[in-house]
Amino acid sequence: MPDLSIQDYLKRHIRTVPDWPAPGVQFRDITPLLQDPKPFRVLIDAFVHRYMDRALRPDVVAGLDARGFILGAVVAYELNVGFVPIRKKGKLPFTTVEETYELEYGSATVELHADAVKSGDRVLLIDDLVATGGTMMAGRRLLEKLGATVMEGAAIVDLPELGGSRRLRDSGLPLFTLVDFEGH
């Protein structure tokens, strides 16, 4: 096998499913990355090596429902920091704060336990993919409501044509992604 960059190696393990969940959508499926131990380790190590740097090391990792849980929990474990889930509305059992955001068709609400982070915590916010940026922006607003600072957003995949990564960066949120895909 020729030497590949980490980005090219990971991209080879992301499956494109045409016309799902709707006609014209090219769904970027990360499950093959998770199924095979070698690409899964390469993926996690790419995040861990970045955030081991003292300047980028978070106090806590927050993962967005649901694939952000998979990545975030493993990255938090490897960094020896806590993990907090940002869930879809109605899934958390304790006192929560919530944030509603607009989707392409309608809206959605995410929640976070009111005691999930402390004021001044530096948080890494992680998800699998950035499309329009709405979910990550909502997660950021939730964490900031509790006084935390989202030091960076991170995702495996960026779909730059949908404008989310630009929107997040324009809002002042640094963003780290590993793989770009053109199109939806």
N, C-alpha and C. Protein backbone atom coordinates (compact mmCIF):
# COMPACT_ATOMS: atom_id res chain seq x y z
N MET A 1 0.85 -1.18 0.00
CA MET A 1 0.00 0.00 0.00
C MET A 1 0.89 1.24 0.00
N PRO A 2 0.65 2.19 -0.89
CA PRO A 2 1.46 3.41 -0.90
C PRO A 2 1.16 4.24 0.34
N ASP A 3 2.11 5.09 0.71
CA ASP A 3 1.89 5.96 1.85
C ASP A 3 0.75 6.92 1.54
N LEU A 4 -0.19 6.99 2.45
CA LEU A 4 -1.33 7.89 2.30
C LEU A 4 -1.29 8.89 3.44
N SER A 5 -1.78 10.09 3.19
CA SER A 5 -1.96 11.01 4.31
C SER A 5 -3.07 10.45 5.20
N ILE A 6 -3.12 10.93 6.43
CA ILE A 6 -4.18 10.48 7.34
C ILE A 6 -5.54 10.80 6.73
N GLN A 7 -5.65 11.99 6.12
CA GLN A 7 -6.92 12.39 5.52
C GLN A 7 -7.34 11.43 4.42
N ASP A 8 -6.40 11.07 3.52
CA ASP A 8 -6.73 10.16 2.43
C ASP A 8 -7.06 8.77 2.97
N TYR A 9 -6.31 8.33 3.97
CA TYR A 9 -6.56 7.01 4.56
C TYR A 9 -7.96 6.95 5.17
N LEU A 10 -8.32 7.97 5.92
CA LEU A 10 -9.65 7.99 6.55
C LEU A 10 -10.74 8.09 5.50
N LYS A 11 -10.52 8.92 4.50
CA LYS A 11 -11.53 9.10 3.45
C LYS A 11 -11.84 7.78 2.74
N ARG A 12 -10.82 6.94 2.57
CA ARG A 12 -11.02 5.62 1.94
C ARG A 12 -11.97 4.74 2.74
N HIS A 13 -12.14 5.04 4.04
CA HIS A 13 -12.97 4.22 4.91
C HIS A 13 -14.31 4.86 5.24
N ILE A 14 -14.65 5.93 4.52
CA ILE A 14 -15.96 6.55 4.67
C ILE A 14 -16.79 6.19 3.45
N ARG A 15 -17.92 5.58 3.71
CA ARG A 15 -18.79 5.09 2.63
C ARG A 15 -19.75 6.21 2.22
N THR A 16 -19.92 6.38 0.92
CA THR A 16 -20.92 7.32 0.40
C THR A 16 -22.15 6.53 -0.01
N VAL A 17 -23.29 6.90 0.56
CA VAL A 17 -24.55 6.24 0.25
C VAL A 17 -25.40 7.25 -0.53
N PRO A 18 -25.57 7.01 -1.85
CA PRO A 18 -26.33 7.97 -2.66
C PRO A 18 -27.83 7.93 -2.34
N ASP A 19 -28.44 9.11 -2.45
CA ASP A 19 -29.89 9.25 -2.32
C ASP A 19 -30.43 8.78 -0.96
N TRP A 20 -29.65 9.04 0.10
CA TRP A 20 -30.13 8.70 1.44
C TRP A 20 -29.81 9.83 2.38
N PRO A 21 -30.70 10.31 3.19
CA PRO A 21 -32.06 9.82 3.43
C PRO A 21 -33.09 10.35 2.44
N ALA A 22 -32.64 11.14 1.46
CA ALA A 22 -33.57 11.70 0.48
C ALA A 22 -32.87 11.74 -0.88
N PRO A 23 -33.63 11.75 -1.97
CA PRO A 23 -33.03 11.83 -3.30
C PRO A 23 -32.11 13.04 -3.43
N GLY A 24 -30.94 12.81 -4.04
CA GLY A 24 -29.98 13.87 -4.26
C GLY A 24 -28.96 14.04 -3.15
N VAL A 25 -29.20 13.42 -1.99
CA VAL A 25 -28.26 13.53 -0.87
C VAL A 25 -27.20 12.44 -0.99
N GLN A 26 -25.95 12.82 -0.82
CA GLN A 26 -24.84 11.87 -0.78
C GLN A 26 -24.45 11.70 0.70
N PHE A 27 -24.98 10.68 1.37
CA PHE A 27 -24.75 10.49 2.79
C PHE A 27 -23.34 9.96 3.03
N ARG A 28 -22.59 10.62 3.91
CA ARG A 28 -21.22 10.20 4.25
C ARG A 28 -21.28 9.36 5.52
N ASP A 29 -21.15 8.07 5.34
CA ASP A 29 -21.33 7.08 6.41
C ASP A 29 -19.98 6.75 7.05
N ILE A 30 -19.82 7.11 8.33
CA ILE A 30 -18.56 6.86 9.03
C ILE A 30 -18.48 5.48 9.67
N THR A 31 -19.56 4.69 9.62
CA THR A 31 -19.52 3.41 10.33
C THR A 31 -18.39 2.48 9.88
N PRO A 32 -17.97 2.48 8.59
CA PRO A 32 -16.82 1.64 8.25
C PRO A 32 -15.54 2.04 8.99
N LEU A 33 -15.38 3.33 9.32
CA LEU A 33 -14.23 3.78 10.10
C LEU A 33 -14.24 3.15 11.49
N LEU A 34 -15.44 2.97 12.03
CA LEU A 34 -15.58 2.46 13.39
C LEU A 34 -15.49 0.93 13.44
N GLN A 35 -15.86 0.27 12.37
CA GLN A 35 -15.92 -1.19 12.34
C GLN A 35 -14.55 -1.84 12.28
N ASP A 36 -13.60 -1.19 11.66
CA ASP A 36 -12.28 -1.77 11.44
C ASP A 36 -11.32 -1.15 12.46
N PRO A 37 -10.66 -1.97 13.28
CA PRO A 37 -9.86 -1.40 14.36
C PRO A 37 -8.72 -0.49 13.91
N LYS A 38 -8.10 -0.77 12.77
CA LYS A 38 -6.97 0.08 12.35
C LYS A 38 -7.42 1.49 11.98
N PRO A 39 -8.39 1.68 11.07
CA PRO A 39 -8.82 3.05 10.79
C PRO A 39 -9.45 3.74 12.00
N PHE A 40 -10.13 2.98 12.86
CA PHE A 40 -10.71 3.57 14.06
C PHE A 40 -9.60 4.13 14.95
N ARG A 41 -8.52 3.39 15.11
CA ARG A 41 -7.39 3.86 15.92
C ARG A 41 -6.72 5.08 15.27
N VAL A 42 -6.54 5.04 13.95
CA VAL A 42 -5.94 6.18 13.24
C VAL A 42 -6.81 7.43 13.46
N LEU A 43 -8.11 7.26 13.36
CA LEU A 43 -9.05 8.35 13.57
C LEU A 43 -8.92 8.95 14.97
N ILE A 44 -9.03 8.10 15.98
CA ILE A 44 -8.97 8.57 17.36
C ILE A 44 -7.61 9.19 17.65
N ASP A 45 -6.55 8.54 17.19
CA ASP A 45 -5.20 9.07 17.42
C ASP A 45 -5.02 10.45 16.79
N ALA A 46 -5.63 10.69 15.64
CA ALA A 46 -5.50 12.00 15.00
C ALA A 46 -6.07 13.10 15.91
N PHE A 47 -7.20 12.82 16.54
CA PHE A 47 -7.77 13.79 17.48
C PHE A 47 -6.94 13.87 18.76
N VAL A 48 -6.59 12.73 19.32
CA VAL A 48 -5.86 12.71 20.59
C VAL A 48 -4.52 13.42 20.46
N HIS A 49 -3.79 13.15 19.40
CA HIS A 49 -2.48 13.79 19.23
C HIS A 49 -2.62 15.31 19.14
N ARG A 50 -3.67 15.78 18.47
CA ARG A 50 -3.89 17.23 18.40
C ARG A 50 -4.16 17.81 19.78
N TYR A 51 -5.04 17.18 20.54
CA TYR A 51 -5.49 17.76 21.80
C TYR A 51 -4.61 17.40 23.01
N MET A 52 -3.58 16.61 22.79
CA MET A 52 -2.58 16.39 23.84
C MET A 52 -1.70 17.62 23.99
N ASP A 53 -1.61 18.43 22.94
CA ASP A 53 -0.84 19.67 22.99
C ASP A 53 -1.38 20.54 24.12
N ARG A 54 -0.50 21.01 24.98
CA ARG A 54 -0.91 21.76 26.17
C ARG A 54 -1.81 22.94 25.82
N ALA A 55 -1.54 23.64 24.73
CA ALA A 55 -2.32 24.82 24.36
C ALA A 55 -3.74 24.46 23.89
N LEU A 56 -3.93 23.25 23.40
CA LEU A 56 -5.24 22.84 22.89
C LEU A 56 -5.96 21.85 23.81
N ARG A 57 -5.33 21.49 24.91
CA ARG A 57 -5.91 20.46 25.79
C ARG A 57 -7.16 20.99 26.50
N PRO A 58 -8.29 20.30 26.34
CA PRO A 58 -9.52 20.73 26.99
C PRO A 58 -9.59 20.24 28.44
N ASP A 59 -10.50 20.85 29.20
CA ASP A 59 -10.82 20.35 30.53
C ASP A 59 -11.86 19.24 30.44
N VAL A 60 -12.67 19.31 29.40
CA VAL A 60 -13.75 18.34 29.20
C VAL A 60 -14.04 18.26 27.70
N VAL A 61 -14.54 17.10 27.28
CA VAL A 61 -14.99 16.91 25.90
C VAL A 61 -16.50 16.78 25.92
N ALA A 62 -17.18 17.52 25.04
CA ALA A 62 -18.63 17.42 24.88
C ALA A 62 -18.90 16.81 23.51
N GLY A 63 -19.76 15.79 23.48
CA GLY A 63 -20.11 15.13 22.22
C GLY A 63 -21.56 15.36 21.87
N LEU A 64 -21.81 15.61 20.60
CA LEU A 64 -23.16 15.86 20.11
C LEU A 64 -23.85 14.55 19.72
N ASP A 65 -25.10 14.43 20.10
CA ASP A 65 -25.93 13.26 19.87
C ASP A 65 -26.00 12.96 18.37
N ALA A 66 -25.68 11.78 17.95
CA ALA A 66 -25.29 10.60 18.69
C ALA A 66 -23.87 10.16 18.32
N ARG A 67 -23.45 10.41 17.09
CA ARG A 67 -22.11 9.93 16.71
C ARG A 67 -21.00 10.68 17.40
N GLY A 68 -21.28 11.91 17.84
CA GLY A 68 -20.30 12.64 18.64
C GLY A 68 -20.02 11.97 19.97
N PHE A 69 -20.96 11.14 20.45
CA PHE A 69 -20.74 10.38 21.69
C PHE A 69 -19.63 9.36 21.49
N ILE A 70 -19.66 8.70 20.35
CA ILE A 70 -18.69 7.63 20.07
C ILE A 70 -17.29 8.23 20.07
N LEU A 71 -17.11 9.28 19.31
CA LEU A 71 -15.79 9.91 19.21
C LEU A 71 -15.40 10.59 20.51
N GLY A 72 -16.31 11.39 21.03
CA GLY A 72 -16.01 12.20 22.20
C GLY A 72 -15.64 11.39 23.43
N ALA A 73 -16.36 10.31 23.66
CA ALA A 73 -16.08 9.50 24.85
C ALA A 73 -14.69 8.87 24.76
N VAL A 74 -14.33 8.37 23.60
CA VAL A 74 -13.02 7.73 23.44
C VAL A 74 -11.91 8.78 23.52
N VAL A 75 -12.09 9.93 22.89
CA VAL A 75 -11.08 10.99 22.95
C VAL A 75 -10.93 11.48 24.39
N ALA A 76 -12.03 11.69 25.09
CA ALA A 76 -11.96 12.12 26.50
C ALA A 76 -11.20 11.10 27.34
N TYR A 77 -11.50 9.84 27.15
CA TYR A 77 -10.81 8.77 27.88
C TYR A 77 -9.31 8.84 27.64
N GLU A 78 -8.93 8.95 26.37
CA GLU A 78 -7.51 8.98 26.02
C GLU A 78 -6.80 10.24 26.55
N LEU A 79 -7.53 11.35 26.66
CA LEU A 79 -6.96 12.59 27.19
C LEU A 79 -7.03 12.66 28.71
N ASN A 80 -7.73 11.69 29.31
CA ASN A 80 -7.92 11.64 30.76
C ASN A 80 -8.68 12.88 31.26
N VAL A 81 -9.74 13.23 30.52
CA VAL A 81 -10.64 14.31 30.93
C VAL A 81 -12.07 13.76 30.91
N GLY A 82 -12.99 14.51 31.47
CA GLY A 82 -14.38 14.09 31.50
C GLY A 82 -15.07 14.24 30.15
N PHE A 83 -16.20 13.55 30.04
CA PHE A 83 -17.03 13.60 28.83
C PHE A 83 -18.45 13.98 29.23
N VAL A 84 -19.07 14.88 28.45
CA VAL A 84 -20.47 15.21 28.67
C VAL A 84 -21.24 15.07 27.35
N PRO A 85 -22.40 14.42 27.41
CA PRO A 85 -23.23 14.29 26.21
C PRO A 85 -24.18 15.46 26.05
N ILE A 86 -24.30 15.94 24.83
CA ILE A 86 -25.34 16.89 24.47
C ILE A 86 -26.37 16.09 23.70
N ARG A 87 -27.56 15.96 24.30
CA ARG A 87 -28.58 15.04 23.79
C ARG A 87 -29.72 15.74 23.10
N LYS A 88 -30.46 14.97 22.32
CA LYS A 88 -31.71 15.44 21.77
C LYS A 88 -32.69 15.63 22.94
N LYS A 89 -33.61 16.58 22.78
CA LYS A 89 -34.56 16.93 23.83
C LYS A 89 -35.29 15.70 24.38
N GLY A 90 -35.40 15.66 25.70
CA GLY A 90 -36.17 14.62 26.37
C GLY A 90 -35.39 13.37 26.72
N LYS A 91 -34.07 13.36 26.52
CA LYS A 91 -33.28 12.15 26.76
C LYS A 91 -32.46 12.21 28.05
N LEU A 92 -32.34 13.38 28.67
CA LEU A 92 -31.53 13.51 29.88
C LEU A 92 -32.43 13.55 31.11
N PRO A 93 -32.08 12.82 32.18
CA PRO A 93 -32.98 12.65 33.31
C PRO A 93 -32.92 13.76 34.37
N PHE A 94 -31.90 14.61 34.35
CA PHE A 94 -31.71 15.59 35.41
C PHE A 94 -32.10 16.98 34.88
N THR A 95 -31.92 18.00 35.68
CA THR A 95 -32.20 19.37 35.28
C THR A 95 -31.33 19.73 34.07
N THR A 96 -31.96 20.32 33.06
CA THR A 96 -31.24 20.61 31.81
C THR A 96 -31.38 22.07 31.40
N VAL A 97 -30.46 22.48 30.53
CA VAL A 97 -30.62 23.70 29.75
C VAL A 97 -30.82 23.24 28.31
N GLU A 98 -31.54 24.02 27.53
CA GLU A 98 -31.82 23.59 26.15
C GLU A 98 -31.60 24.71 25.17
N GLU A 99 -31.42 24.31 23.92
CA GLU A 99 -31.19 25.24 22.82
C GLU A 99 -31.90 24.69 21.59
N THR A 100 -32.73 25.51 20.98
CA THR A 100 -33.43 25.13 19.75
C THR A 100 -32.72 25.78 18.57
N TYR A 101 -32.62 25.04 17.48
CA TYR A 101 -31.95 25.56 16.30
C TYR A 101 -32.70 25.12 15.06
N GLU A 102 -32.45 25.83 13.99
CA GLU A 102 -33.16 25.57 12.74
C GLU A 102 -32.45 24.50 11.92
N LEU A 103 -33.24 23.64 11.34
CA LEU A 103 -32.78 22.63 10.40
C LEU A 103 -33.23 23.05 9.00
N GLU A 104 -32.81 22.28 8.02
CA GLU A 104 -33.22 22.57 6.65
C GLU A 104 -34.75 22.59 6.54
N TYR A 105 -35.40 21.65 7.23
CA TYR A 105 -36.85 21.57 7.24
C TYR A 105 -37.32 21.46 8.68
N GLY A 106 -37.57 22.59 9.34
CA GLY A 106 -38.07 22.57 10.70
C GLY A 106 -37.01 23.00 11.70
N SER A 107 -37.14 22.47 12.93
CA SER A 107 -36.19 22.81 13.98
C SER A 107 -35.95 21.61 14.87
N ALA A 108 -34.94 21.71 15.71
CA ALA A 108 -34.61 20.66 16.66
C ALA A 108 -34.13 21.32 17.94
N THR A 109 -34.17 20.56 19.02
CA THR A 109 -33.73 21.07 20.31
C THR A 109 -32.75 20.07 20.91
N VAL A 110 -31.65 20.60 21.46
CA VAL A 110 -30.68 19.77 22.18
C VAL A 110 -30.61 20.25 23.62
N GLU A 111 -30.20 19.35 24.51
CA GLU A 111 -30.14 19.63 25.93
C GLU A 111 -28.81 19.19 26.52
N LEU A 112 -28.51 19.78 27.66
CA LEU A 112 -27.29 19.48 28.41
C LEU A 112 -27.66 19.55 29.88
N HIS A 113 -27.14 18.63 30.69
CA HIS A 113 -27.38 18.73 32.13
C HIS A 113 -26.83 20.05 32.65
N ALA A 114 -27.57 20.67 33.54
CA ALA A 114 -27.21 21.98 34.07
C ALA A 114 -25.88 21.96 34.83
N ASP A 115 -25.47 20.79 35.29
CA ASP A 115 -24.21 20.68 36.04
C ASP A 115 -23.11 19.98 35.23
N ALA A 116 -23.26 19.95 33.92
CA ALA A 116 -22.33 19.20 33.06
C ALA A 116 -20.94 19.83 33.00
N VAL A 117 -20.87 21.14 33.02
CA VAL A 117 -19.60 21.86 32.98
C VAL A 117 -19.64 22.97 34.02
N LYS A 118 -18.45 23.45 34.35
CA LYS A 118 -18.32 24.56 35.30
C LYS A 118 -17.92 25.83 34.55
N SER A 119 -18.24 26.95 35.14
CA SER A 119 -17.83 28.22 34.56
C SER A 119 -16.31 28.23 34.41
N GLY A 120 -15.84 28.61 33.24
CA GLY A 120 -14.41 28.66 32.97
C GLY A 120 -13.83 27.40 32.37
N ASP A 121 -14.60 26.30 32.35
CA ASP A 121 -14.10 25.07 31.71
C ASP A 121 -13.81 25.32 30.24
N ARG A 122 -12.70 24.76 29.78
CA ARG A 122 -12.35 24.78 28.35
C ARG A 122 -12.87 23.48 27.75
N VAL A 123 -13.75 23.61 26.77
CA VAL A 123 -14.45 22.45 26.23
C VAL A 123 -14.10 22.23 24.75
N LEU A 124 -13.82 20.98 24.42
CA LEU A 124 -13.72 20.53 23.04
C LEU A 124 -15.09 19.98 22.67
N LEU A 125 -15.71 20.54 21.64
CA LEU A 125 -17.03 20.11 21.17
C LEU A 125 -16.84 19.27 19.92
N ILE A 126 -17.32 18.02 19.95
CA ILE A 126 -17.00 17.10 18.86
C ILE A 126 -18.26 16.44 18.29
N ASP A 127 -18.23 16.24 16.98
CA ASP A 127 -19.30 15.54 16.27
C ASP A 127 -18.67 14.81 15.09
N ASP A 128 -19.47 14.04 14.38
CA ASP A 128 -18.92 13.28 13.26
C ASP A 128 -18.78 14.12 12.00
N LEU A 129 -19.70 15.10 11.81
CA LEU A 129 -19.77 15.78 10.53
C LEU A 129 -20.28 17.20 10.70
N VAL A 130 -19.75 18.12 9.91
CA VAL A 130 -20.26 19.49 9.87
C VAL A 130 -20.91 19.69 8.51
N ALA A 131 -22.22 19.95 8.54
CA ALA A 131 -22.96 20.25 7.31
C ALA A 131 -23.31 21.74 7.33
N THR A 132 -24.47 22.08 7.90
CA THR A 132 -24.86 23.50 7.98
C THR A 132 -24.30 24.17 9.23
N GLY A 133 -23.82 23.39 10.19
CA GLY A 133 -23.24 23.94 11.42
C GLY A 133 -24.25 24.20 12.52
N GLY A 134 -25.52 23.98 12.27
CA GLY A 134 -26.56 24.28 13.25
C GLY A 134 -26.44 23.52 14.55
N THR A 135 -26.16 22.23 14.48
CA THR A 135 -26.05 21.42 15.70
C THR A 135 -24.86 21.86 16.54
N MET A 136 -23.72 22.10 15.90
CA MET A 136 -22.54 22.52 16.65
C MET A 136 -22.74 23.90 17.25
N MET A 137 -23.38 24.81 16.52
CA MET A 137 -23.66 26.14 17.07
C MET A 137 -24.57 26.04 18.29
N ALA A 138 -25.58 25.19 18.23
CA ALA A 138 -26.49 25.01 19.36
C ALA A 138 -25.74 24.42 20.56
N GLY A 139 -24.88 23.44 20.31
CA GLY A 139 -24.08 22.87 21.39
C GLY A 139 -23.18 23.91 22.03
N ARG A 140 -22.58 24.73 21.21
CA ARG A 140 -21.71 25.80 21.72
C ARG A 140 -22.51 26.75 22.61
N ARG A 141 -23.70 27.17 22.15
CA ARG A 141 -24.52 28.10 22.94
C ARG A 141 -24.91 27.47 24.28
N LEU A 142 -25.22 26.18 24.29
CA LEU A 142 -25.55 25.50 25.54
C LEU A 142 -24.39 25.56 26.53
N LEU A 143 -23.22 25.21 26.06
CA LEU A 143 -22.03 25.20 26.92
C LEU A 143 -21.72 26.60 27.43
N GLU A 144 -21.89 27.60 26.58
CA GLU A 144 -21.63 28.97 26.99
C GLU A 144 -22.67 29.48 27.99
N LYS A 145 -23.92 28.98 27.90
CA LYS A 145 -24.94 29.34 28.89
C LYS A 145 -24.48 28.96 30.29
N LEU A 146 -23.70 27.89 30.39
CA LEU A 146 -23.22 27.41 31.68
C LEU A 146 -21.87 28.02 32.06
N GLY A 147 -21.36 28.93 31.24
CA GLY A 147 -20.13 29.63 31.56
C GLY A 147 -18.86 28.99 31.02
N ALA A 148 -18.99 27.92 30.27
CA ALA A 148 -17.81 27.26 29.69
C ALA A 148 -17.36 28.00 28.44
N THR A 149 -16.13 27.74 28.04
CA THR A 149 -15.59 28.28 26.79
C THR A 149 -15.35 27.12 25.84
N VAL A 150 -15.98 27.17 24.68
CA VAL A 150 -15.72 26.15 23.67
C VAL A 150 -14.46 26.58 22.94
N MET A 151 -13.36 25.89 23.24
CA MET A 151 -12.07 26.29 22.69
C MET A 151 -11.91 25.86 21.24
N GLU A 152 -12.63 24.80 20.83
CA GLU A 152 -12.59 24.37 19.44
C GLU A 152 -13.72 23.39 19.18
N GLY A 153 -14.21 23.42 17.95
CA GLY A 153 -15.11 22.40 17.46
C GLY A 153 -14.31 21.43 16.62
N ALA A 154 -14.70 20.16 16.62
CA ALA A 154 -13.97 19.15 15.85
C ALA A 154 -14.97 18.17 15.25
N ALA A 155 -14.61 17.67 14.06
CA ALA A 155 -15.43 16.67 13.39
C ALA A 155 -14.54 15.87 12.44
N ILE A 156 -15.01 14.70 12.08
CA ILE A 156 -14.30 13.90 11.09
C ILE A 156 -14.44 14.55 9.72
N VAL A 157 -15.70 14.82 9.34
CA VAL A 157 -16.03 15.23 7.97
C VAL A 157 -16.54 16.67 7.94
N ASP A 158 -16.08 17.42 6.95
CA ASP A 158 -16.62 18.73 6.65
C ASP A 158 -17.23 18.66 5.25
N LEU A 159 -18.45 19.18 5.13
CA LEU A 159 -19.10 19.35 3.83
C LEU A 159 -19.10 20.85 3.53
N PRO A 160 -17.99 21.39 3.02
CA PRO A 160 -17.83 22.84 2.91
C PRO A 160 -18.89 23.52 2.05
N GLU A 161 -19.42 22.84 1.06
CA GLU A 161 -20.42 23.46 0.18
C GLU A 161 -21.69 23.82 0.92
N LEU A 162 -21.95 23.19 2.06
CA LEU A 162 -23.16 23.50 2.82
C LEU A 162 -22.97 24.70 3.75
N GLY A 163 -21.73 25.19 3.87
CA GLY A 163 -21.48 26.45 4.56
C GLY A 163 -21.33 26.40 6.06
N GLY A 164 -21.48 25.24 6.67
CA GLY A 164 -21.41 25.16 8.13
C GLY A 164 -20.05 25.50 8.70
N SER A 165 -18.99 24.99 8.08
CA SER A 165 -17.66 25.27 8.62
C SER A 165 -17.34 26.76 8.52
N ARG A 166 -17.73 27.38 7.43
CA ARG A 166 -17.52 28.83 7.29
C ARG A 166 -18.33 29.58 8.35
N ARG A 167 -19.58 29.17 8.54
CA ARG A 167 -20.45 29.81 9.53
C ARG A 167 -19.85 29.69 10.94
N LEU A 168 -19.36 28.52 11.28
CA LEU A 168 -18.77 28.31 12.61
C LEU A 168 -17.52 29.17 12.78
N ARG A 169 -16.65 29.17 11.79
CA ARG A 169 -15.42 29.97 11.88
C ARG A 169 -15.75 31.47 11.91
N ASP A 170 -16.73 31.90 11.11
CA ASP A 170 -17.13 33.30 11.11
C ASP A 170 -17.68 33.74 12.47
N SER A 171 -18.24 32.80 13.22
CA SER A 171 -18.77 33.10 14.55
C SER A 171 -17.66 33.18 15.60
N GLY A 172 -16.43 32.86 15.19
CA GLY A 172 -15.30 32.91 16.12
C GLY A 172 -14.91 31.57 16.70
N LEU A 173 -15.55 30.50 16.26
CA LEU A 173 -15.22 29.16 16.77
C LEU A 173 -14.14 28.53 15.91
N PRO A 174 -12.97 28.27 16.46
CA PRO A 174 -11.98 27.50 15.69
C PRO A 174 -12.56 26.12 15.40
N LEU A 175 -12.26 25.59 14.23
CA LEU A 175 -12.82 24.31 13.81
C LEU A 175 -11.72 23.44 13.22
N PHE A 176 -11.69 22.18 13.67
CA PHE A 176 -10.72 21.21 13.16
C PHE A 176 -11.49 20.03 12.57
N THR A 177 -11.26 19.76 11.29
CA THR A 177 -11.86 18.60 10.63
C THR A 177 -10.76 17.82 9.93
N LEU A 178 -11.02 16.55 9.71
CA LEU A 178 -10.01 15.67 9.13
C LEU A 178 -10.20 15.43 7.63
N VAL A 179 -11.45 15.41 7.16
CA VAL A 179 -11.74 15.03 5.77
C VAL A 179 -12.78 15.99 5.21
N ASP A 180 -12.54 16.50 4.00
CA ASP A 180 -13.54 17.30 3.29
C ASP A 180 -14.14 16.47 2.17
N PHE A 181 -15.44 16.63 1.97
CA PHE A 181 -16.13 16.04 0.84
C PHE A 181 -16.86 17.16 0.11
N GLU A 182 -16.70 17.20 -1.19
CA GLU A 182 -17.47 18.15 -2.00
C GLU A 182 -18.89 17.59 -2.18
N GLY A 183 -19.83 18.47 -2.37
CA GLY A 183 -21.22 18.04 -2.54
C GLY A 183 -21.89 17.79 -1.20
N HIS A 184 -23.13 17.36 -1.27
CA HIS A 184 -23.93 17.15 -0.06
C HIS A 184 -23.73 15.76 0.47
